[in-house]
Amino acid sequence: MATLSSLSSTAFTNSNPNSKFLSPMLQPYLEQQQQQIDPPETDEEDDRSPHSNKPIMPNMSPSTDGSPNSNSSMDRSPAALLHVSFNQDYGCFATGTSRGFRIYNCDPFREIFRRDFDNAGGIGSVEMLFRCNILALVGGKDNPQYPLNKVMIWDDHQSRCIGELSFRSEVRGVRLRRDRIVVVLEHKIFVYNFADLKLLHQIETIANPKGLCAVSQASGSFVLVCPGLQKGQLRVEHYASERTSKFIQAHDSRIACFTLSQDGQLLATASTKGTLVRIFNTHDGTLLQEVRRGADRAEIYCLSFSSSAQWLAVSSDKGTVHVFSLKSTLGNLRSENSSPPESDLARTTSGSSLSFMKGVLPKYFSSEWSVAQFRLLELSQYVVSFGHQKNTVVILGLDGSFYRCKFDPVTGGEMTQLEYHNFLKPG
C-alpha cells in the first residue's frame, strides 16, 4: 500500500505519519498544461523565460554553466548516466545522472538545461510531462538524491520538489499523463489524479522488476497496459469506457517489453525470447500482426510506434535497430476491430523472395521481417523513437550516444546516419 504526501489537505487513510504538506501550486500548472499544443515548439519557444505564461521548460541552467546548484570542482568529473527516456511526444529526452538530471531537445539536438545537486545525489528515473516544468524524479541507486521508495514531483520554476508519493518498497517506474500519475512497484501499480494526488486505482501484477507499464497519451482516452498475474499475460485497462480489465495472453514466455500507440488502440509486445514482436488490438485483444526480429534469442530494450502507427521500431542487445512496416488496416481500428485472416498474418513484407514458399517452409521463413536496420554496438542498451522529420528515427544509448537516422520506406535496407552526438560530453 502506498503512503502519500498530498498537495491538498485531503487525508489519505494509510498516510505516512512523517508525510508533510508541500505546496498547493500544482493545480495552476496543470490548468496551463491543458492549453499546451502538442507539436514540438521552435527554438524561440524553448528559450522562453521562467515568467512566461506558457508551461515550456525554461532555460534556467544552460549547459555551458551547469545548474545554480553545481560547483566547478564537481563539473570537472564526468557524471555517470543512470537513466534516459523520451518525453511523451518524443520531442525531448531526459537523463538521470549520478549528480542530478538533464533535459535535451531532439530536433535540433541541444541541451536545454541541467540540475546538478550540491550533494551530487543520483537520479535513477526522470519522467517528463511533455515540455512543461513539472517532472517526476526517483533517486538513483548508488548515492540517491531521494529515497528509492519515493516519487518526487519537481517544479523547475521553483527549482524544488512540490510533492511526493511514498511507498513501502522501491519504485520501479513512473508514467505521466496530463491528468494522471502512474507509479509502478514490483508487484503493484498505483494510479493517481495529478491535480491533488488522490489515489484512484491500484492493480496487482506478477513480479515486475523492470517497472514495465505503458499509458496512452491522446486526450480523452486513457488506456493503461501492465503485466497480468500470469507469465506472458498483459492486462489492459480502458478507463474512458465501461470495458476494463481486458487480459491478453501475448506470449508463452515472460513479457520483456511492450508499448502502446499514442491513442492506445495498438499494443506491441515482445517476450524474453526476443525473436517475435506481436501487435494487438487493445479493445478486443485480437492479434493483428506478427513480425520477426531475428532467429537468435535477444533482450528487447525498446518498442516504439510512429505517430501514425505506420511503423514500429525495435531495439535489442544484438546491436541492431529494426523498423517494421505495419499493415495499412491497422489505422482503421475505429471502424474495423475484427481479426485479420490467418493467411494475412502470415504474409511477408513486400518484396520478400520467400513469400511464395510460406505454405511449404516452416513459419520462420514466412515471417515478416524488418524493412530497415541500423547497426550499433552489441550489448549496449538503446531506446528508440521516430523523429519529427519524415522517415527518421532517433536512438539514445546509455553510453551517452545520440543518433538520428533516415530510412527509405520503399527500398528499405541499411539506414543512413544523419547525426551523432555524445550528450555526456559537450562539444
Protein backbone atom coordinates (compact mmCIF):
# COMPACT_ATOMS: atom_id res chain seq x y z
CA MET A 1 0.00 0.00 0.00
CA ALA A 2 1.28 3.41 -0.90
CA THR A 3 1.57 6.28 1.50
CA LEU A 4 1.06 9.77 0.23
CA SER A 5 2.27 13.30 0.84
CA SER A 6 -0.56 15.19 -0.80
CA LEU A 7 -0.63 18.59 -2.44
CA SER A 8 -4.08 19.13 -0.97
CA SER A 9 -5.49 18.91 2.52
CA THR A 10 -7.33 15.68 1.73
CA ALA A 11 -6.32 12.95 4.16
CA PHE A 12 -5.21 9.52 2.94
CA THR A 13 -6.38 6.64 5.11
CA ASN A 14 -2.97 4.96 5.32
CA SER A 15 -0.88 8.12 5.17
CA ASN A 16 2.66 8.12 6.44
CA PRO A 17 2.85 9.94 9.80
CA ASN A 18 6.08 11.52 8.56
CA SER A 19 4.50 12.90 5.42
CA LYS A 20 4.19 16.65 5.00
CA PHE A 21 2.15 19.18 3.09
CA LEU A 22 4.46 20.53 0.43
CA SER A 23 2.79 23.01 -1.91
CA PRO A 24 -0.64 23.90 -3.33
CA MET A 25 0.90 25.13 -6.60
CA LEU A 26 0.42 22.09 -8.84
CA GLN A 27 -3.17 22.74 -9.94
CA PRO A 28 -2.46 26.07 -11.75
CA TYR A 29 0.38 24.45 -13.72
CA LEU A 30 -1.88 21.59 -14.77
CA GLU A 31 -4.57 24.04 -15.87
CA GLN A 32 -1.99 25.81 -18.02
CA GLN A 33 -0.77 22.48 -19.33
CA GLN A 34 -4.20 21.71 -20.78
CA GLN A 35 -3.68 24.68 -23.13
CA GLN A 36 -0.34 23.43 -24.39
CA ILE A 37 -0.04 22.49 -28.04
CA ASP A 38 1.44 19.04 -28.57
CA PRO A 39 3.64 19.57 -31.65
CA PRO A 40 7.28 20.44 -30.92
CA GLU A 41 7.99 24.06 -30.26
CA THR A 42 10.50 26.18 -32.10
CA ASP A 43 13.83 27.21 -30.62
CA GLU A 44 12.37 30.56 -29.64
CA GLU A 45 9.68 28.87 -27.57
CA ASP A 46 12.26 26.63 -25.91
CA ASP A 47 14.11 29.71 -24.68
CA ARG A 48 11.20 31.49 -23.08
CA SER A 49 11.82 32.95 -19.67
CA PRO A 50 10.53 31.28 -16.48
CA HIS A 51 7.93 34.06 -16.22
CA SER A 52 6.20 33.09 -19.47
CA ASN A 53 2.58 32.02 -19.09
CA LYS A 54 3.31 29.02 -21.31
CA PRO A 55 4.41 25.84 -19.50
CA ILE A 56 7.56 25.38 -21.60
CA MET A 57 10.78 24.18 -19.99
CA PRO A 58 12.77 27.28 -19.03
CA ASN A 59 16.45 27.51 -19.90
CA MET A 60 17.36 28.26 -16.30
CA SER A 61 20.58 26.29 -16.28
CA PRO A 62 22.29 26.49 -19.66
CA SER A 63 24.65 23.66 -20.48
CA THR A 64 27.65 25.97 -20.57
CA ASP A 65 27.28 26.99 -16.94
CA GLY A 66 25.65 23.97 -15.32
CA SER A 67 22.92 24.43 -12.75
CA PRO A 68 22.91 27.06 -10.00
CA ASN A 69 23.44 24.22 -7.54
CA SER A 70 26.53 22.84 -9.24
CA ASN A 71 30.12 23.75 -8.47
CA SER A 72 33.20 23.89 -10.65
CA SER A 73 35.07 21.05 -8.96
CA MET A 74 32.13 18.73 -9.44
CA ASP A 75 31.72 19.76 -13.09
CA ARG A 76 35.25 18.65 -13.93
CA SER A 77 34.45 15.00 -13.23
CA PRO A 78 32.11 13.27 -15.69
CA ALA A 79 28.65 12.29 -14.47
CA ALA A 80 27.60 8.65 -14.79
CA LEU A 81 24.44 8.09 -16.81
CA LEU A 82 21.77 6.18 -14.88
CA HIS A 83 18.64 6.72 -16.97
CA VAL A 84 17.48 8.01 -20.35
CA SER A 85 13.93 8.34 -21.69
CA PHE A 86 11.89 10.33 -24.20
CA ASN A 87 9.04 12.63 -23.28
CA GLN A 88 5.51 11.81 -24.45
CA ASP A 89 5.77 13.38 -27.93
CA TYR A 90 9.42 12.32 -28.48
CA GLY A 91 10.50 15.91 -29.00
CA CYS A 92 12.72 15.91 -25.89
CA PHE A 93 14.53 13.41 -23.73
CA ALA A 94 15.62 13.36 -20.10
CA THR A 95 18.62 11.78 -18.45
CA GLY A 96 19.22 10.87 -14.84
CA THR A 97 22.85 11.04 -13.75
CA SER A 98 24.95 10.37 -10.68
CA ARG A 99 24.73 14.12 -9.92
CA GLY A 100 21.22 15.14 -10.99
CA PHE A 101 19.29 15.31 -14.25
CA ARG A 102 19.40 16.96 -17.68
CA ILE A 103 16.87 17.78 -20.39
CA TYR A 104 17.66 17.78 -24.12
CA ASN A 105 15.84 18.85 -27.25
CA CYS A 106 15.83 16.28 -30.09
CA ASP A 107 15.43 18.42 -33.20
CA PRO A 108 17.60 20.34 -33.30
CA PHE A 109 19.72 18.44 -30.82
CA ARG A 110 20.87 20.57 -27.89
CA GLU A 111 20.94 20.53 -24.11
CA ILE A 112 18.15 22.69 -22.72
CA PHE A 113 19.14 22.69 -19.06
CA ARG A 114 20.53 20.59 -16.24
CA ARG A 115 20.27 20.30 -12.47
CA ASP A 116 23.34 19.10 -10.56
CA PHE A 117 22.68 18.80 -6.84
CA ASP A 118 25.08 20.11 -4.18
CA ASN A 119 25.49 16.69 -2.59
CA ALA A 120 25.93 15.01 -6.02
CA GLY A 121 22.85 12.84 -5.41
CA GLY A 122 21.90 10.43 -8.17
CA ILE A 123 18.61 10.41 -10.10
CA GLY A 124 17.63 6.96 -11.33
CA SER A 125 14.46 7.95 -13.17
CA VAL A 126 13.20 11.17 -14.78
CA GLU A 127 9.72 11.32 -16.28
CA MET A 128 8.84 14.46 -18.23
CA LEU A 129 5.32 15.84 -18.72
CA PHE A 130 5.57 16.84 -22.38
CA ARG A 131 7.55 20.13 -22.20
CA CYS A 132 6.19 21.69 -19.03
CA ASN A 133 8.14 22.49 -15.87
CA ILE A 134 6.79 19.52 -13.88
CA LEU A 135 8.83 16.31 -13.70
CA ALA A 136 8.68 13.11 -11.67
CA LEU A 137 12.01 12.09 -10.11
CA VAL A 138 13.17 8.90 -8.38
CA GLY A 139 16.54 8.57 -6.70
CA GLY A 140 19.47 6.64 -8.21
CA LYS A 141 20.78 3.52 -6.52
CA ASP A 142 24.42 4.22 -5.57
CA ASN A 143 24.06 7.62 -3.91
CA PRO A 144 20.38 8.52 -4.32
CA GLN A 145 19.28 12.13 -4.11
CA TYR A 146 15.91 10.89 -2.82
CA PRO A 147 14.82 7.63 -1.14
CA LEU A 148 14.23 4.83 -3.62
CA ASN A 149 10.69 4.31 -2.32
CA LYS A 150 9.55 7.86 -3.19
CA VAL A 151 8.38 9.68 -6.29
CA MET A 152 9.25 13.37 -6.05
CA ILE A 153 7.22 15.90 -8.06
CA TRP A 154 9.75 18.52 -9.16
CA ASP A 155 8.78 22.04 -10.27
CA ASP A 156 11.63 23.57 -12.22
CA HIS A 157 10.12 27.05 -12.00
CA GLN A 158 10.70 26.87 -8.26
CA SER A 159 13.77 24.59 -8.53
CA ARG A 160 12.40 22.36 -5.81
CA CYS A 161 10.07 19.45 -5.10
CA ILE A 162 6.44 20.43 -4.51
CA GLY A 163 5.02 16.99 -3.75
CA GLU A 164 5.91 13.40 -3.07
CA LEU A 165 4.43 9.91 -3.15
CA SER A 166 5.86 7.48 -0.62
CA PHE A 167 5.70 3.68 -0.74
CA ARG A 168 6.79 0.66 1.28
CA SER A 169 9.01 -0.75 -1.46
CA GLU A 170 11.22 0.60 -4.21
CA VAL A 171 9.66 2.46 -7.10
CA ARG A 172 10.32 0.61 -10.37
CA GLY A 173 8.82 3.10 -12.80
CA VAL A 174 6.70 6.22 -13.28
CA ARG A 175 4.43 7.24 -16.17
CA LEU A 176 2.81 10.65 -16.55
CA ARG A 177 -0.22 11.94 -18.38
CA ARG A 178 -1.64 15.45 -18.13
CA ASP A 179 -4.29 14.11 -15.76
CA ARG A 180 -2.70 11.07 -14.11
CA ILE A 181 0.42 9.81 -12.37
CA VAL A 182 1.09 6.07 -12.61
CA VAL A 183 3.62 4.55 -10.20
CA VAL A 184 4.96 1.04 -10.75
CA LEU A 185 6.23 -1.15 -7.91
CA GLU A 186 7.44 -4.72 -8.31
CA HIS A 187 4.03 -6.25 -7.59
CA LYS A 188 1.62 -3.31 -7.72
CA ILE A 189 0.68 -0.32 -9.83
CA PHE A 190 -0.98 2.81 -8.42
CA VAL A 191 -2.93 5.37 -10.45
CA TYR A 192 -3.28 8.90 -9.02
CA ASN A 193 -5.13 12.01 -10.04
CA PHE A 194 -2.45 14.55 -10.98
CA ALA A 195 -4.22 17.65 -9.60
CA ASP A 196 -4.48 16.52 -5.97
CA LEU A 197 -2.54 13.21 -5.87
CA LYS A 198 -5.66 11.30 -4.90
CA LEU A 199 -5.34 7.52 -5.27
CA LEU A 200 -7.80 6.33 -7.94
CA HIS A 201 -6.88 2.71 -8.64
CA GLN A 202 -4.39 0.02 -7.70
CA ILE A 203 -3.52 -3.10 -9.66
CA GLU A 204 -1.83 -6.34 -8.62
CA THR A 205 0.76 -7.70 -11.10
CA ILE A 206 3.16 -10.58 -11.49
CA ALA A 207 6.74 -9.76 -10.43
CA ASN A 208 7.73 -6.70 -12.48
CA PRO A 209 11.31 -5.70 -11.57
CA LYS A 210 11.73 -3.65 -14.77
CA GLY A 211 8.73 -1.49 -13.94
CA LEU A 212 7.01 -2.30 -17.23
CA CYS A 213 3.91 -0.19 -17.89
CA ALA A 214 2.50 1.82 -20.80
CA VAL A 215 -0.15 4.55 -20.94
CA SER A 216 -1.83 6.25 -23.88
CA GLN A 217 -1.34 10.00 -24.37
CA ALA A 218 -4.28 11.06 -26.55
CA SER A 219 -6.66 13.38 -24.72
CA GLY A 220 -9.99 11.86 -23.80
CA SER A 221 -8.70 8.30 -23.98
CA PHE A 222 -6.82 6.76 -21.06
CA VAL A 223 -5.53 3.25 -21.74
CA LEU A 224 -3.10 1.56 -19.34
CA VAL A 225 -1.28 -1.70 -20.03
CA CYS A 226 0.70 -3.64 -17.42
CA PRO A 227 1.73 -7.24 -16.72
CA GLY A 228 -1.07 -9.51 -15.58
CA LEU A 229 -0.86 -12.17 -12.89
CA GLN A 230 0.37 -14.94 -15.19
CA LYS A 231 3.52 -15.42 -17.24
CA GLY A 232 3.20 -13.87 -20.70
CA GLN A 233 -0.07 -12.15 -19.83
CA LEU A 234 -0.88 -8.43 -20.18
CA ARG A 235 -3.70 -6.51 -18.55
CA VAL A 236 -5.38 -3.68 -20.45
CA GLU A 237 -7.42 -1.01 -18.65
CA HIS A 238 -9.72 1.29 -20.66
CA TYR A 239 -10.53 3.98 -18.12
CA ALA A 240 -12.63 6.09 -20.52
CA SER A 241 -15.17 3.31 -21.09
CA GLU A 242 -17.01 0.72 -19.06
CA ARG A 243 -14.91 -2.08 -20.56
CA THR A 244 -11.96 -2.60 -18.25
CA SER A 245 -9.51 -5.31 -17.27
CA LYS A 246 -9.03 -6.97 -20.65
CA PHE A 247 -6.42 -9.76 -20.39
CA ILE A 248 -4.25 -10.73 -23.37
CA GLN A 249 -2.11 -13.86 -23.35
CA ALA A 250 0.55 -12.31 -25.54
CA HIS A 251 3.37 -14.88 -25.22
CA ASP A 252 4.22 -18.23 -23.67
CA SER A 253 7.41 -16.78 -22.14
CA ARG A 254 7.68 -13.85 -19.73
CA ILE A 255 7.00 -10.38 -21.09
CA ALA A 256 10.18 -8.39 -21.75
CA CYS A 257 8.87 -5.20 -23.33
CA PHE A 258 5.68 -3.60 -24.65
CA THR A 259 4.39 -0.24 -25.84
CA LEU A 260 1.17 1.50 -26.84
CA SER A 261 0.36 3.69 -29.82
CA GLN A 262 -0.40 7.30 -28.85
CA ASP A 263 -4.17 6.72 -28.93
CA GLY A 264 -3.90 3.42 -27.05
CA GLN A 265 -5.53 1.34 -29.80
CA LEU A 266 -2.44 -0.71 -30.67
CA LEU A 267 -0.20 -2.73 -28.36
CA ALA A 268 3.19 -4.13 -29.41
CA THR A 269 4.74 -6.85 -27.24
CA ALA A 270 7.93 -8.91 -27.02
CA SER A 271 8.86 -11.81 -24.74
CA THR A 272 12.15 -12.76 -23.13
CA LYS A 273 12.92 -14.85 -26.23
CA GLY A 274 13.08 -11.64 -28.24
CA THR A 275 12.57 -13.23 -31.64
CA LEU A 276 8.99 -12.19 -32.39
CA VAL A 277 7.04 -8.97 -31.85
CA ARG A 278 3.25 -9.11 -31.80
CA ILE A 279 0.78 -6.30 -32.39
CA PHE A 280 -2.65 -6.49 -30.73
CA ASN A 281 -5.89 -4.55 -30.80
CA THR A 282 -6.33 -3.35 -27.22
CA HIS A 283 -10.13 -3.20 -27.47
CA ASP A 284 -10.72 -6.91 -28.03
CA GLY A 285 -7.24 -8.45 -27.70
CA THR A 286 -7.10 -9.56 -31.34
CA LEU A 287 -3.67 -10.43 -32.72
CA LEU A 288 -3.29 -8.19 -35.77
CA GLN A 289 0.25 -8.85 -36.92
CA GLU A 290 3.42 -10.71 -36.02
CA VAL A 291 6.90 -9.63 -37.11
CA ARG A 292 10.27 -11.29 -36.63
CA ARG A 293 13.30 -9.50 -35.22
CA GLY A 294 15.61 -12.49 -35.77
CA ALA A 295 16.24 -16.16 -35.06
CA ASP A 296 18.53 -15.88 -32.02
CA ARG A 297 17.31 -15.10 -28.53
CA ALA A 298 17.69 -11.40 -27.71
CA GLU A 299 16.80 -8.94 -24.96
CA ILE A 300 14.38 -6.36 -26.33
CA TYR A 301 15.10 -2.94 -24.85
CA CYS A 302 12.54 -0.76 -26.58
CA LEU A 303 9.47 -0.85 -28.83
CA SER A 304 8.11 2.35 -30.39
CA PHE A 305 5.24 3.18 -32.74
CA SER A 306 5.43 6.06 -35.18
CA SER A 307 2.87 8.81 -34.58
CA SER A 308 0.69 7.46 -37.41
CA ALA A 309 1.19 3.83 -36.30
CA GLN A 310 2.51 3.07 -39.79
CA TRP A 311 5.90 1.92 -38.48
CA LEU A 312 7.29 0.09 -35.45
CA ALA A 313 10.89 0.42 -34.24
CA VAL A 314 12.65 -2.23 -32.11
CA SER A 315 16.00 -2.12 -30.31
CA SER A 316 17.75 -5.06 -28.65
CA ASP A 317 21.05 -6.22 -27.20
CA LYS A 318 22.02 -7.54 -30.64
CA GLY A 319 23.10 -4.02 -31.57
CA THR A 320 20.56 -3.50 -34.35
CA VAL A 321 17.56 -1.19 -34.51
CA HIS A 322 14.85 -2.60 -36.79
CA VAL A 323 11.96 -0.73 -38.42
CA PHE A 324 8.89 -2.77 -39.39
CA SER A 325 6.05 -1.79 -41.68
CA LEU A 326 2.62 -2.17 -40.11
CA LYS A 327 -0.38 -3.10 -42.23
CA SER A 328 -2.47 -0.23 -43.54
CA THR A 329 -5.55 -1.81 -41.98
CA LEU A 330 -4.12 -1.09 -38.53
CA GLY A 331 -5.04 2.56 -38.97
CA ASN A 332 -8.74 1.74 -39.35
CA LEU A 333 -9.33 0.21 -35.94
CA ARG A 334 -12.02 2.70 -35.01
CA SER A 335 -14.30 1.12 -37.60
CA GLU A 336 -12.74 -2.33 -38.03
CA ASN A 337 -11.94 -4.29 -34.88
CA SER A 338 -12.23 -7.75 -36.44
CA SER A 339 -9.31 -10.13 -36.68
CA PRO A 340 -7.47 -10.29 -39.99
CA PRO A 341 -7.47 -13.69 -41.71
CA GLU A 342 -4.77 -16.11 -40.64
CA SER A 343 -3.27 -16.11 -44.12
CA ASP A 344 -2.83 -12.34 -43.86
CA LEU A 345 -0.99 -12.71 -40.55
CA ALA A 346 1.49 -14.99 -42.28
CA ARG A 347 2.06 -12.62 -45.20
CA THR A 348 5.65 -11.49 -45.59
CA THR A 349 6.70 -7.92 -46.16
CA SER A 350 6.51 -6.68 -49.72
CA GLY A 351 9.45 -7.67 -51.84
CA SER A 352 10.34 -10.83 -49.86
CA SER A 353 11.65 -13.56 -52.11
CA LEU A 354 10.28 -16.17 -49.68
CA SER A 355 6.62 -15.13 -49.82
CA PHE A 356 5.70 -17.82 -52.37
CA MET A 357 7.07 -20.52 -50.03
CA LYS A 358 5.08 -19.65 -46.94
CA GLY A 359 2.85 -22.70 -47.34
CA VAL A 360 5.77 -25.10 -47.68
CA LEU A 361 8.54 -23.95 -45.31
CA PRO A 362 8.27 -23.52 -41.53
CA LYS A 363 6.84 -20.34 -40.05
CA TYR A 364 10.35 -18.88 -39.63
CA PHE A 365 10.71 -18.50 -43.39
CA SER A 366 7.28 -16.92 -43.87
CA SER A 367 7.73 -14.34 -41.07
CA GLU A 368 7.52 -10.64 -41.72
CA TRP A 369 10.98 -9.14 -41.50
CA SER A 370 12.09 -5.57 -40.91
CA VAL A 371 12.10 -3.03 -43.71
CA ALA A 372 15.16 -1.12 -42.45
CA GLN A 373 18.00 -1.63 -39.98
CA PHE A 374 20.73 0.37 -38.25
CA ARG A 375 23.80 -1.26 -36.68
CA LEU A 376 25.07 -0.27 -33.23
CA LEU A 377 27.39 -1.71 -30.61
CA GLU A 378 26.18 -5.04 -29.25
CA LEU A 379 25.25 -5.37 -25.57
CA SER A 380 24.87 -1.60 -25.16
CA GLN A 381 21.36 -0.50 -24.17
CA TYR A 382 19.46 1.80 -26.53
CA VAL A 383 15.98 3.31 -26.66
CA VAL A 384 14.47 4.42 -29.95
CA SER A 385 11.67 6.62 -31.27
CA PHE A 386 10.57 8.05 -34.58
CA GLY A 387 11.76 11.58 -35.27
CA HIS A 388 9.60 14.53 -36.22
CA GLN A 389 11.28 14.59 -39.62
CA LYS A 390 9.72 12.17 -42.09
CA ASN A 391 11.15 8.62 -42.13
CA THR A 392 13.68 9.26 -39.38
CA VAL A 393 14.44 7.54 -36.09
CA VAL A 394 16.22 8.88 -33.01
CA ILE A 395 18.33 6.45 -30.96
CA LEU A 396 19.60 7.14 -27.44
CA GLY A 397 22.21 4.98 -25.71
CA LEU A 398 23.12 4.54 -22.07
CA ASP A 399 26.67 5.21 -23.25
CA GLY A 400 25.61 8.81 -23.98
CA SER A 401 25.15 8.38 -27.71
CA PHE A 402 22.55 10.23 -29.79
CA TYR A 403 21.88 9.08 -33.35
CA ARG A 404 19.47 10.45 -35.93
CA CYS A 405 18.99 8.11 -38.89
CA LYS A 406 16.86 8.07 -42.02
CA PHE A 407 15.28 5.02 -43.65
CA ASP A 408 13.90 4.55 -47.14
CA PRO A 409 10.30 3.32 -46.82
CA VAL A 410 10.36 1.85 -50.35
CA THR A 411 13.74 0.16 -50.79
CA GLY A 412 14.48 -0.35 -47.09
CA GLY A 413 17.86 -1.80 -46.12
CA GLU A 414 20.50 -0.07 -44.03
CA MET A 415 19.53 3.32 -42.63
CA THR A 416 21.59 6.42 -43.30
CA GLN A 417 23.15 8.12 -40.28
CA LEU A 418 22.32 11.83 -40.36
CA GLU A 419 23.68 12.94 -37.00
CA TYR A 420 25.67 11.76 -33.98
CA HIS A 421 26.39 13.37 -30.60
CA ASN A 422 27.67 12.25 -27.22
CA PHE A 423 25.32 14.14 -24.90
CA LEU A 424 27.51 13.48 -21.85
CA LYS A 425 30.48 15.25 -23.43
CA PRO A 426 29.67 18.82 -24.54
CA GLY A 427 31.22 19.73 -27.86
